[in-house]
Amino acid sequence: MGRRFGALVIDWVLCLLVARGFADPVTEGWAPVLVLIVEYGFFLGLFAQTPGMFITRVRCVSWADGGRIGVLRGLLRGVLLALVVPALIMDANRRGLHDRAAASVVTSAPR
């Protein structure tokens, strides 16, 4: 859980920095959230890791086959993560509602 949270913090800081390029994240709170959703769709869909996940050595893969989840499921996961509550409700496999909806799981990344 610690590495997952660390990855999210790193990704959030990066989203704040990127959002500053086109909006004021303090007064326009939607900007970093939008960047987070796009980041998750792009990076999870194509690489199975966001930059924060890469740094903390975790990855998000398909529950069924361990492969990439694709851009659409990455976007879905990002939207649900932005709602926060789905990430707080976890099952016995440490999968939040956002993971279950996207049929994904967060695992350790190979070295």
Protein backbone atom coordinates (compact mmCIF):
# COMPACT_ATOMS: atom_id res chain seq x y z
CA MET A 1 0.00 0.00 0.00
CA GLY A 2 2.87 2.37 0.75
CA ARG A 3 4.30 2.18 -2.75
CA ARG A 4 0.87 2.69 -4.32
CA PHE A 5 0.30 5.79 -2.22
CA GLY A 6 3.82 7.03 -2.99
CA ALA A 7 3.18 6.58 -6.70
CA LEU A 8 -0.05 8.55 -6.44
CA VAL A 9 1.69 11.41 -4.60
CA ILE A 10 4.44 11.57 -7.23
CA ASP A 11 1.86 11.51 -10.04
CA TRP A 12 -0.22 14.21 -8.34
CA VAL A 13 2.80 16.52 -8.00
CA LEU A 14 3.59 15.97 -11.69
CA CYS A 15 -0.04 16.72 -12.57
CA LEU A 16 0.11 19.96 -10.59
CA LEU A 17 3.26 20.99 -12.47
CA VAL A 18 1.79 20.15 -15.87
CA ALA A 19 -1.51 21.87 -15.04
CA ARG A 20 0.37 25.07 -14.23
CA GLY A 21 1.20 25.26 -17.93
CA PHE A 22 -2.40 26.00 -18.89
CA ALA A 23 -4.29 26.89 -15.69
CA ASP A 24 -3.84 27.91 -12.08
CA PRO A 25 -4.27 24.65 -10.13
CA VAL A 26 -5.11 26.58 -6.96
CA THR A 27 -8.10 28.41 -8.38
CA GLU A 28 -9.00 25.93 -11.12
CA GLY A 29 -8.99 22.60 -9.32
CA TRP A 30 -10.27 20.74 -12.36
CA ALA A 31 -6.96 21.21 -14.22
CA PRO A 32 -4.73 18.79 -12.27
CA VAL A 33 -7.58 16.28 -12.03
CA LEU A 34 -7.98 16.36 -15.81
CA VAL A 35 -4.22 15.91 -16.24
CA LEU A 36 -4.32 12.93 -13.82
CA ILE A 37 -7.09 11.24 -15.80
CA VAL A 38 -5.26 11.76 -19.11
CA GLU A 39 -1.96 10.63 -17.54
CA TYR A 40 -3.57 7.41 -16.31
CA GLY A 41 -5.20 6.72 -19.66
CA PHE A 42 -2.01 7.30 -21.62
CA PHE A 43 0.63 5.76 -19.35
CA LEU A 44 -1.37 2.83 -17.98
CA GLY A 45 -2.87 2.08 -21.36
CA LEU A 46 0.44 2.02 -23.20
CA PHE A 47 3.09 1.24 -20.57
CA ALA A 48 1.23 -0.30 -17.58
CA GLN A 49 2.90 2.31 -15.34
CA THR A 50 2.54 5.99 -14.62
CA PRO A 51 5.76 7.91 -13.89
CA GLY A 52 5.03 7.58 -10.16
CA MET A 53 4.49 3.84 -10.51
CA PHE A 54 7.77 3.54 -12.40
CA ILE A 55 9.65 5.30 -9.60
CA THR A 56 8.01 3.21 -6.85
CA ARG A 57 8.30 -0.03 -8.89
CA VAL A 58 4.66 -1.00 -9.20
CA ARG A 59 2.54 -1.49 -12.29
CA CYS A 60 -1.12 -1.80 -13.19
CA VAL A 61 -2.02 -4.78 -15.35
CA SER A 62 -5.06 -6.68 -16.50
CA TRP A 63 -6.59 -8.93 -13.85
CA ALA A 64 -7.33 -11.60 -16.45
CA ASP A 65 -4.00 -11.99 -18.22
CA GLY A 66 -1.40 -9.66 -16.69
CA GLY A 67 -1.11 -7.59 -19.88
CA ARG A 68 -1.65 -3.89 -20.45
CA ILE A 69 -5.14 -2.61 -19.73
CA GLY A 70 -5.39 -0.28 -22.73
CA VAL A 71 -6.17 3.41 -22.96
CA LEU A 72 -9.94 3.21 -22.40
CA ARG A 73 -9.64 1.12 -19.23
CA GLY A 74 -6.79 3.38 -18.10
CA LEU A 75 -9.07 6.40 -18.56
CA LEU A 76 -11.88 4.66 -16.66
CA ARG A 77 -9.47 3.86 -13.84
CA GLY A 78 -8.30 7.48 -13.80
CA VAL A 79 -11.84 8.88 -13.66
CA LEU A 80 -12.78 6.57 -10.80
CA LEU A 81 -9.53 7.30 -8.97
CA ALA A 82 -10.29 11.02 -9.25
CA LEU A 83 -13.52 10.34 -7.35
CA VAL A 84 -11.32 9.01 -4.46
CA VAL A 85 -14.01 6.85 -2.79
CA PRO A 86 -13.59 3.85 -5.15
CA ALA A 87 -9.89 3.71 -4.25
CA LEU A 88 -10.68 3.54 -0.54
CA ILE A 89 -12.98 0.52 -0.81
CA MET A 90 -10.76 -2.52 -1.30
CA ASP A 91 -11.35 -6.24 -1.50
CA ALA A 92 -9.22 -9.08 -0.12
CA ASN A 93 -6.85 -8.80 -3.10
CA ARG A 94 -6.22 -5.09 -2.39
CA ARG A 95 -8.16 -4.09 -5.49
CA GLY A 96 -10.15 -0.91 -5.15
CA LEU A 97 -13.46 -0.41 -6.90
CA HIS A 98 -11.56 1.48 -9.62
CA ASP A 99 -9.38 -1.62 -10.16
CA ARG A 100 -12.39 -3.92 -10.26
CA ALA A 101 -14.29 -1.69 -12.71
CA ALA A 102 -11.26 -1.54 -15.01
CA ALA A 103 -10.50 -5.27 -14.49
CA SER A 104 -7.01 -4.35 -13.34
CA VAL A 105 -4.66 -5.06 -10.45
CA VAL A 106 -1.60 -3.24 -9.12
CA THR A 107 1.44 -5.52 -8.71
CA SER A 108 5.15 -5.18 -8.12
CA ALA A 109 7.08 -4.35 -11.26
CA PRO A 110 9.90 -6.64 -12.33
CA ARG A 111 13.35 -5.17 -11.86
